Protein backbone atom coordinates (compact mmCIF):
# COMPACT_ATOMS: atom_id res chain seq x y z
CA MET A 1 0.24 -0.15 0.12
CA SER A 2 1.60 3.24 -0.78
CA ARG A 3 2.52 5.65 1.72
CA ASN A 4 0.19 8.50 -0.17
CA LEU A 5 -3.21 6.37 0.58
CA LEU A 6 -2.11 5.03 4.39
CA ASN A 7 -1.33 8.69 4.94
CA SER A 8 -5.14 9.90 3.07
CA SER A 9 -8.01 10.93 4.93
CA ARG A 10 -10.34 8.41 3.81
CA TYR A 11 -7.48 5.61 4.75
CA LYS A 12 -7.52 7.47 8.23
CA TYR A 13 -10.84 7.73 8.57
CA SER A 14 -11.63 3.61 7.99
CA ARG A 15 -8.96 2.93 10.42
CA ASN A 16 -9.79 4.86 12.94
CA PHE A 17 -13.26 3.48 13.08
CA ILE A 18 -12.76 -0.04 12.61
CA PHE A 19 -9.57 -0.27 14.72
CA LYS A 20 -10.59 2.28 17.51
CA THR A 21 -11.36 0.50 21.00
CA ILE A 22 -15.11 -0.73 20.52
CA ARG A 23 -17.10 -0.98 23.92
CA LEU A 24 -17.73 -3.71 25.54
CA ASN A 25 -20.99 -2.11 26.13
CA SER A 26 -24.32 -3.56 27.17
CA GLN A 27 -25.70 -0.44 27.24
CA LEU A 28 -25.65 -1.18 22.85
CA VAL A 29 -28.43 -3.48 22.58
CA ARG A 30 -30.07 -3.47 26.19
CA ASN A 31 -33.71 -3.70 26.36
CA THR A 32 -33.38 -5.70 22.65
CA LEU A 33 -33.63 -9.04 21.39
CA ILE A 34 -29.73 -10.26 22.45
CA ASP A 35 -29.91 -8.15 25.76
CA ALA A 36 -28.22 -11.23 28.09
CA SER A 37 -29.96 -9.77 31.39
CA PHE A 38 -33.29 -11.17 29.97
CA GLY A 39 -34.72 -13.38 32.56
CA LEU A 40 -32.27 -13.03 35.42
CA ASN A 41 -33.36 -11.67 38.51
CA GLU A 42 -31.20 -8.69 40.41
CA GLN A 43 -28.27 -11.16 42.07
CA GLN A 44 -27.87 -12.73 38.30
CA ARG A 45 -27.70 -9.36 37.03
CA GLN A 46 -25.13 -7.96 39.17
CA LEU A 47 -23.27 -11.33 38.65
CA GLN A 48 -23.27 -10.49 35.35
CA GLN A 49 -22.33 -7.22 34.91
CA THR A 50 -19.25 -7.67 37.32
CA ALA A 51 -18.21 -10.39 35.16
CA LEU A 52 -18.67 -7.61 32.37
CA GLU A 53 -16.67 -4.83 34.36
CA PHE A 54 -13.96 -7.44 34.76
CA ALA A 55 -13.80 -8.76 31.17
CA LYS A 56 -14.00 -5.07 29.91
CA ARG A 57 -10.83 -3.46 32.61
CA GLU A 58 -9.16 -6.53 32.68
CA LEU A 59 -9.02 -9.29 29.59
CA LYS A 60 -10.34 -7.08 26.64
CA PRO A 61 -7.54 -4.70 26.09
CA PHE A 62 -4.82 -7.43 26.32
CA MET A 63 -7.22 -9.79 24.23
CA ARG A 64 -4.92 -9.51 20.89
CA LYS A 65 -1.34 -9.09 22.75
CA TRP A 66 -1.37 -12.56 24.36
CA ASP A 67 -2.90 -13.97 21.51
CA GLU A 68 -0.10 -12.60 19.03
CA GLU A 69 2.67 -13.16 21.47
CA GLU A 70 1.06 -16.27 22.62
CA LEU A 71 1.50 -14.95 26.47
CA PHE A 72 0.30 -16.66 29.50
CA PRO A 73 -1.78 -13.79 31.85
CA ALA A 74 -0.93 -15.34 34.88
CA GLU A 75 -1.06 -12.38 37.30
CA THR A 76 -4.73 -11.76 35.55
CA LEU A 77 -6.28 -15.02 36.38
CA ARG A 78 -5.13 -14.11 39.85
CA LYS A 79 -6.75 -11.32 40.27
CA ALA A 80 -10.36 -13.19 38.79
CA ALA A 81 -9.36 -15.87 41.78
CA SER A 82 -9.30 -13.23 43.78
CA ILE A 83 -13.13 -12.26 42.94
CA GLY A 84 -13.93 -16.03 43.32
CA TYR A 85 -13.48 -16.94 39.24
CA ALA A 86 -11.13 -20.01 39.85
CA ALA A 87 -13.53 -22.06 41.66
CA LEU A 88 -17.46 -21.08 40.82
CA TYR A 89 -19.53 -23.60 41.60
CA THR A 90 -17.51 -25.22 43.98
CA PRO A 91 -18.73 -25.11 47.58
CA LYS A 92 -18.08 -22.19 49.88
CA GLU A 93 -17.12 -24.71 52.26
CA CYS A 94 -14.83 -25.59 50.40
CA GLY A 95 -12.88 -22.06 49.45
CA GLY A 96 -15.33 -21.72 46.35
CA ALA A 97 -17.81 -19.12 45.40
CA GLY A 98 -20.39 -21.65 46.00
CA LEU A 99 -22.48 -20.29 42.77
CA SER A 100 -25.00 -22.49 41.09
CA ARG A 101 -24.00 -24.28 37.45
CA PHE A 102 -26.92 -22.25 35.93
CA ASP A 103 -25.07 -18.84 37.65
CA SER A 104 -21.83 -19.67 36.68
CA SER A 105 -22.68 -20.00 33.10
CA LEU A 106 -23.64 -16.45 33.40
CA VAL A 107 -20.11 -15.35 34.39
CA VAL A 108 -18.42 -17.74 32.20
CA GLU A 109 -20.16 -15.63 28.97
CA SER A 110 -19.80 -12.44 30.21
CA LEU A 111 -15.75 -13.18 30.86
CA ALA A 112 -15.49 -14.46 27.20
CA GLN A 113 -16.43 -11.20 25.79
CA GLY A 114 -13.28 -9.82 26.83
CA CYS A 115 -11.09 -13.15 25.89
CA MET A 116 -12.38 -16.78 24.68
CA SER A 117 -9.31 -18.13 25.89
CA THR A 118 -8.30 -16.51 28.76
CA ALA A 119 -11.98 -17.59 29.67
CA ALA A 120 -11.73 -20.91 28.61
CA PHE A 121 -8.40 -21.49 30.97
CA LEU A 122 -10.83 -20.68 34.10
CA CYS A 123 -12.98 -22.88 33.37
CA SER A 124 -10.32 -25.85 32.80
CA HIS A 125 -9.00 -24.76 36.19
CA ASN A 126 -12.28 -24.66 37.48
CA ILE A 127 -12.93 -28.39 36.58
CA ILE A 128 -10.16 -29.37 38.38
CA SER A 129 -11.19 -27.04 41.98
CA SER A 130 -14.30 -28.21 41.87
CA LEU A 131 -13.70 -32.03 40.90
CA ILE A 132 -10.88 -31.68 44.03
CA ALA A 133 -13.81 -30.26 46.40
CA THR A 134 -15.88 -33.06 45.00
CA PHE A 135 -14.21 -35.90 45.35
CA ALA A 136 -11.08 -35.70 47.32
CA ASN A 137 -10.69 -36.59 51.42
CA ASP A 138 -10.28 -34.23 54.11
CA ASN A 139 -6.94 -34.39 53.87
CA GLN A 140 -6.58 -33.88 50.20
CA LYS A 141 -8.87 -30.57 50.37
CA SER A 142 -6.70 -29.19 53.35
CA LYS A 143 -3.78 -29.69 50.63
CA TYR A 144 -5.06 -28.22 47.73
CA MET A 145 -8.17 -26.15 47.90
CA SER A 146 -6.61 -23.18 49.04
CA ASP A 147 -3.88 -22.69 46.09
CA LEU A 148 -6.39 -23.89 43.66
CA CYS A 149 -9.35 -21.28 44.85
CA SER A 150 -6.51 -18.22 45.13
CA MET A 151 -4.70 -19.35 41.72
CA LYS A 152 -1.41 -20.14 43.71
CA LYS A 153 -1.18 -23.18 41.89
CA PHE A 154 -3.22 -23.96 38.40
CA GLY A 155 -4.84 -26.72 37.56
CA SER A 156 -4.83 -29.47 34.81
CA TYR A 157 -7.08 -32.44 33.82
CA CYS A 158 -4.95 -35.27 32.14
CA LEU A 159 -6.76 -37.48 30.30
CA THR A 160 -6.01 -37.40 26.78
CA GLU A 161 -3.38 -39.56 25.49
CA PRO A 162 -2.13 -39.66 21.26
CA ASP A 163 -4.12 -43.00 20.71
CA ALA A 164 -7.21 -41.91 23.27
CA GLY A 165 -8.85 -39.43 22.24
CA SER A 166 -12.83 -39.52 21.97
CA ASP A 167 -12.55 -43.04 22.68
CA ALA A 168 -11.53 -42.18 26.22
CA THR A 169 -11.20 -46.01 27.91
CA SER A 170 -8.97 -46.78 25.57
CA LEU A 171 -6.39 -45.28 27.36
CA THR A 172 -2.86 -46.50 28.35
CA THR A 173 -1.16 -44.63 30.65
CA VAL A 174 -0.26 -47.60 33.80
CA ALA A 175 0.04 -46.94 37.04
CA LYS A 176 1.81 -49.68 39.34
CA LYS A 177 2.09 -49.60 43.07
CA GLU A 178 5.87 -50.13 44.32
CA GLY A 179 5.44 -49.54 48.03
CA ASP A 180 3.54 -46.23 49.47
CA TYR A 181 3.65 -45.15 45.34
CA TYR A 182 2.34 -45.18 42.30
CA ILE A 183 4.90 -44.97 38.94
CA LEU A 184 3.42 -43.76 36.35
CA ASN A 185 4.59 -44.38 32.49
CA GLY A 186 2.50 -43.29 29.74
CA THR A 187 1.74 -40.03 27.82
CA LYS A 188 -0.72 -37.38 28.08
CA CYS A 189 -1.22 -34.40 25.24
CA PHE A 190 -3.39 -31.81 24.79
CA ILE A 191 -2.96 -30.68 28.32
CA THR A 192 -4.47 -26.88 28.91
CA GLY A 193 -1.87 -25.42 31.12
CA GLY A 194 0.35 -27.55 30.41
CA GLY A 195 3.84 -26.95 32.18
CA GLU A 196 2.61 -23.95 34.05
CA SER A 197 -0.25 -26.20 36.15
CA GLU A 198 1.15 -27.55 39.65
CA VAL A 199 -1.70 -29.56 40.24
CA LEU A 200 -3.04 -32.21 37.56
CA VAL A 201 -5.77 -34.92 38.25
CA VAL A 202 -4.39 -37.55 35.89
CA PHE A 203 -5.78 -40.63 34.72
CA VAL A 204 -4.33 -43.34 34.61
CA ARG A 205 -4.77 -47.40 34.34
CA THR A 206 -4.61 -49.60 37.15
CA GLY A 207 -6.72 -52.43 36.27
CA GLU A 208 -8.62 -54.27 33.44
CA LYS A 209 -9.18 -52.91 29.90
CA GLY A 210 -12.21 -50.77 29.67
CA PRO A 211 -13.82 -47.91 32.35
CA LYS A 212 -13.25 -50.28 34.96
CA GLY A 213 -9.58 -50.19 35.28
CA ILE A 214 -9.18 -46.19 35.07
CA THR A 215 -7.86 -44.37 38.17
CA ALA A 216 -7.86 -40.76 38.79
CA LEU A 217 -4.32 -39.50 40.83
CA ILE A 218 -3.73 -36.17 42.15
CA VAL A 219 0.60 -35.22 40.50
CA ASP A 220 2.58 -32.43 41.42
CA GLY A 221 2.73 -30.94 38.00
CA HIS A 222 6.84 -30.67 38.45
CA SER A 223 7.25 -34.06 39.51
CA GLU A 224 10.89 -35.75 38.58
CA GLY A 225 9.20 -38.47 35.90
CA ILE A 226 7.46 -35.92 33.88
CA ALA A 227 8.72 -34.32 30.74
CA TYR A 228 6.84 -31.70 28.84
CA GLY A 229 6.69 -30.88 25.02
CA GLU A 230 6.69 -27.76 23.41
CA ASN A 231 3.52 -25.59 23.68
CA GLU A 232 1.32 -26.50 20.96
CA THR A 233 0.44 -23.66 18.15
CA PHE A 234 -3.17 -23.85 18.09
CA ILE A 235 -4.92 -21.37 15.91
CA GLY A 236 -6.96 -20.43 18.59
CA TRP A 237 -6.54 -20.69 22.41
CA ARG A 238 -3.11 -19.32 21.81
CA CYS A 239 -3.73 -17.20 25.70
CA HIS A 240 -2.72 -20.41 27.28
CA PRO A 241 -0.37 -23.31 27.03
CA THR A 242 -1.02 -26.58 25.66
CA ARG A 243 1.39 -29.19 25.64
CA THR A 244 2.09 -32.69 25.82
CA ALA A 245 3.30 -34.72 29.31
CA LYS A 246 5.51 -37.32 29.04
CA PHE A 247 5.58 -39.50 32.28
CA GLU A 248 8.46 -42.10 33.09
CA ASN A 249 9.02 -43.99 36.04
CA CYS A 250 7.01 -40.82 38.16
CA LYS A 251 6.63 -41.35 41.72
CA VAL A 252 3.38 -40.54 43.08
CA PRO A 253 1.62 -41.09 46.92
CA ILE A 254 -0.54 -43.70 47.30
CA SER A 255 -2.32 -41.20 49.14
CA ASN A 256 -2.84 -39.16 46.11
CA ILE A 257 -5.52 -41.42 44.84
CA LEU A 258 -8.84 -40.23 44.46
CA VAL A 259 -12.04 -42.03 46.07
CA LYS A 260 -10.44 -45.77 45.11
CA GLU A 261 -8.92 -47.56 42.26
CA GLY A 262 -11.13 -47.98 38.98
CA TYR A 263 -13.46 -44.87 40.09
CA GLY A 264 -11.64 -42.65 37.67
CA PHE A 265 -13.29 -43.03 34.36
CA ASN A 266 -16.96 -42.52 36.53
CA ILE A 267 -15.29 -39.17 37.80
CA ALA A 268 -14.20 -38.23 34.47
CA MET A 269 -18.36 -38.96 33.45
CA LYS A 270 -19.13 -36.89 36.05
CA THR A 271 -17.15 -33.94 35.36
CA ILE A 272 -17.61 -33.61 31.27
CA ASN A 273 -21.46 -32.46 31.93
CA GLY A 274 -19.69 -29.47 32.91
CA ALA A 275 -17.15 -28.99 31.10
CA ARG A 276 -19.37 -29.27 27.67
CA THR A 277 -21.42 -26.46 29.50
CA ASN A 278 -18.72 -24.05 30.50
CA ILE A 279 -17.47 -24.82 26.97
CA ALA A 280 -20.41 -23.67 25.51
CA SER A 281 -20.99 -20.48 27.40
CA CYS A 282 -18.08 -19.38 26.39
CA SER A 283 -19.58 -19.95 22.84
CA LEU A 284 -22.10 -17.28 23.71
CA GLY A 285 -19.94 -14.61 24.87
CA GLY A 286 -17.60 -14.71 21.58
CA ALA A 287 -20.94 -14.48 19.34
CA GLN A 288 -22.61 -11.74 21.73
CA ARG A 289 -19.21 -9.84 21.11
CA ALA A 290 -19.19 -10.49 17.45
CA MET A 291 -22.91 -9.18 17.60
CA GLU A 292 -22.32 -6.05 19.26
CA GLU A 293 -19.22 -5.02 17.65
CA THR A 294 -20.57 -5.75 14.02
CA ILE A 295 -23.83 -3.99 14.46
CA GLU A 296 -21.78 -0.87 15.74
CA HIS A 297 -20.27 -1.20 12.31
CA VAL A 298 -22.76 -1.67 10.16
CA THR A 299 -24.39 1.38 12.53
CA ASN A 300 -21.80 4.17 11.40
CA ARG A 301 -20.43 3.26 8.40
CA LYS A 302 -21.67 4.76 4.86
CA GLN A 303 -21.81 3.08 1.13
CA PHE A 304 -23.59 4.22 -1.61
CA ASN A 305 -24.27 7.16 0.97
CA LYS A 306 -26.24 5.00 3.34
CA ARG A 307 -25.57 3.03 6.54
CA ILE A 308 -24.84 -0.72 5.73
CA ALA A 309 -27.76 -1.41 7.93
CA ASP A 310 -30.13 0.20 6.16
CA PHE A 311 -29.65 -2.39 3.62
CA GLN A 312 -32.44 -5.05 3.46
CA ASN A 313 -29.80 -7.27 3.25
CA THR A 314 -27.68 -6.21 6.63
CA GLN A 315 -31.34 -6.53 8.50
CA PHE A 316 -32.13 -9.89 7.28
CA ARG A 317 -28.73 -11.17 8.02
CA LEU A 318 -28.60 -9.84 11.89
CA ALA A 319 -31.84 -10.92 12.46
CA GLU A 320 -31.16 -14.05 11.51
CA MET A 321 -28.12 -14.30 13.74
CA ALA A 322 -29.84 -12.74 16.48
CA SER A 323 -32.39 -15.46 16.47
CA GLU A 324 -29.69 -18.18 16.63
CA LEU A 325 -28.02 -16.28 19.12
CA VAL A 326 -31.06 -15.80 21.93
CA ALA A 327 -31.74 -19.45 21.02
CA CYS A 328 -28.52 -20.81 21.86
CA ARG A 329 -28.63 -18.69 25.29
CA LEU A 330 -31.80 -20.60 26.00
CA LEU A 331 -30.31 -23.96 25.48
CA VAL A 332 -27.13 -23.24 27.53
CA ARG A 333 -29.31 -22.16 30.77
CA HIS A 334 -31.85 -25.00 30.23
CA ALA A 335 -28.72 -27.27 30.18
CA ALA A 336 -27.42 -25.52 33.26
CA SER A 337 -30.21 -25.94 34.97
CA THR A 338 -30.74 -29.04 34.60
CA LEU A 339 -27.17 -29.81 35.52
CA ASP A 340 -28.32 -28.09 38.72
CA ALA A 341 -30.72 -30.18 38.89
CA SER A 342 -28.69 -33.21 38.01
CA GLU A 343 -26.61 -32.83 40.82
CA ALA A 344 -29.32 -31.71 43.52
CA GLY A 345 -30.75 -35.47 43.33
CA ASN A 346 -32.71 -35.89 40.33
CA ASP A 347 -31.50 -38.30 38.76
CA LYS A 348 -34.33 -38.54 35.69
CA ALA A 349 -32.65 -35.43 34.31
CA PRO A 350 -31.65 -36.47 30.48
CA VAL A 351 -28.64 -34.02 31.56
CA ILE A 352 -25.94 -36.08 29.37
CA SER A 353 -27.89 -35.46 26.25
CA ILE A 354 -29.30 -32.33 26.95
CA VAL A 355 -25.86 -30.93 28.01
CA ALA A 356 -24.61 -32.49 24.97
CA ALA A 357 -27.30 -30.97 22.43
CA ALA A 358 -26.43 -27.09 24.30
CA LYS A 359 -22.73 -28.35 23.58
CA MET A 360 -23.43 -29.28 19.78
CA HIS A 361 -25.59 -26.87 18.85
CA VAL A 362 -24.57 -23.54 20.63
CA THR A 363 -20.99 -24.33 18.96
CA GLU A 364 -21.58 -24.40 15.82
CA ARG A 365 -23.98 -21.66 15.77
CA CYS A 366 -21.73 -19.28 17.10
CA PHE A 367 -18.62 -20.11 15.44
CA HIS A 368 -21.42 -19.46 12.44
CA ILE A 369 -22.76 -16.11 13.69
CA ALA A 370 -19.16 -14.56 14.22
CA ASN A 371 -18.65 -15.91 10.85
CA ASP A 372 -21.66 -14.07 9.27
CA CYS A 373 -20.11 -10.75 11.44
CA MET A 374 -16.93 -10.95 9.57
CA GLN A 375 -18.36 -11.09 6.22
CA LEU A 376 -20.58 -7.65 7.48
CA PHE A 377 -17.63 -6.42 8.07
CA GLY A 378 -15.95 -6.74 4.64
CA ALA A 379 -11.98 -7.18 4.09
CA TYR A 380 -11.50 -5.17 7.38
CA GLY A 381 -13.17 -8.53 9.09
CA CYS A 382 -9.99 -10.50 8.14
CA ARG A 383 -7.54 -8.14 9.16
CA TYR A 384 -5.56 -9.49 12.05
CA ASP A 385 -5.75 -6.25 14.07
CA CYS A 386 -9.75 -6.93 13.84
CA SER A 387 -10.89 -8.69 16.86
CA LEU A 388 -13.54 -10.74 14.95
CA GLN A 389 -10.84 -12.85 13.13
CA GLN A 390 -9.39 -13.76 16.79
CA LEU A 391 -13.06 -14.67 17.44
CA LEU A 392 -13.86 -17.12 14.92
CA ARG A 393 -10.48 -18.95 15.57
CA ASP A 394 -11.32 -19.33 19.05
CA LEU A 395 -14.91 -20.39 18.24
CA ARG A 396 -13.57 -22.77 15.56
CA VAL A 397 -11.82 -25.15 18.63
CA HIS A 398 -15.18 -25.19 20.49
CA ARG A 399 -16.44 -27.41 18.24
CA ILE A 400 -13.79 -30.40 19.49
CA VAL A 401 -12.63 -29.73 22.65
CA ALA A 402 -14.68 -31.58 25.55
CA GLY A 403 -15.81 -34.25 23.17
CA THR A 404 -16.30 -33.61 19.71
CA ASN A 405 -19.54 -32.61 18.09
CA GLU A 406 -19.90 -35.78 16.37
CA MET A 407 -19.24 -37.58 20.06
CA MET A 408 -22.53 -34.93 21.06
CA ARG A 409 -24.45 -36.23 18.23
CA LEU A 410 -23.87 -39.88 19.90
CA SER A 411 -25.02 -39.06 22.84
CA ILE A 412 -28.25 -37.03 21.85
CA SER A 413 -29.15 -40.32 19.02
CA ARG A 414 -28.68 -43.05 21.73
CA ASP A 415 -30.63 -40.80 24.35
CA ILE A 416 -34.17 -40.47 21.37
CA LEU A 417 -33.62 -43.59 19.74
CA PRO A 418 -35.50 -47.10 21.62
CA ARG A 419 -33.13 -49.76 22.68
CA LYS A 420 -32.96 -52.97 21.41
């Protein structure tokens, strides 16, 4: 591009308009169809607003830098922990915020409007906080909960292996008893926070093939015998490390077992529904931000002597996206409410299929919403200094993590089809 064009008033206007700091501004959509506060009580609105303000102040201004430089914002995460965001649905008696899954999803959605990648790491850490609060014994809780709730120590979930992804029951990382220790050998991959986390929950094989032979252990992330690979370079989720960990004769005290041998797969399955609800909530936040920025763009930018918002094509596309966003939000809130009911003892709630439906539908539709928003931005939306491309990249990851959407379809079909 020539220097004359770079200095032209027309180019400066376009660039300053498109790449100014677009506000995370609920006023823009307040009392409209996509107002995320509809249907909430005053306490829930306050939770939502506090998270939005944190996202605007602590996440949004740095999102691009963290993404481009693959920076892990440890101190920002600890600020989030000081508000309770490291242990949202962990009981208060264990040091957590004690929120319901429904209220937690409101917080996650709001944080994701500031930076989806950072919100996703908080979700991953929350899994560990809640898991240990739920399944650990008193000694284990005393040892780990305070550091997890404050994020003095980060937590990571280690289930996936190079040859055990969707088929988690085929994992081969083995733990053999020797005296007062388990000796771990094997490899875990795609560990969110790998190399940074000091508290790992590692799923290992202690017995027979299949789910009954799987055990969960708490492992010090810096134990002798753990070697981490290079940080994986993904198209999205670049604000936190993702690494492979190789366990080679790694000694773990037998006292670090969660519940008992053979109970690991039960723990994994009881944890996964929350993870899927969190990811769907993150996607909502990303799509909400994409919509807000697009509405502001089409309202102000002009072509052919009229606002882009005045073209019927723009109006129809925004109407479709808004309708999809609201439907997605209702589905996430239904899933979160069902998860609350299930955890309260309502065994009749079809939580697995409802959560799977939310994870599948919401992650896919929110990705398409962001993609359509990018189209309305034109070439500006494809630039690296426009947030939409980062939102789109982060949203794409959500269709794979916490169980691929193909696995979600299997879960749903098993629920609705008659058993043979």
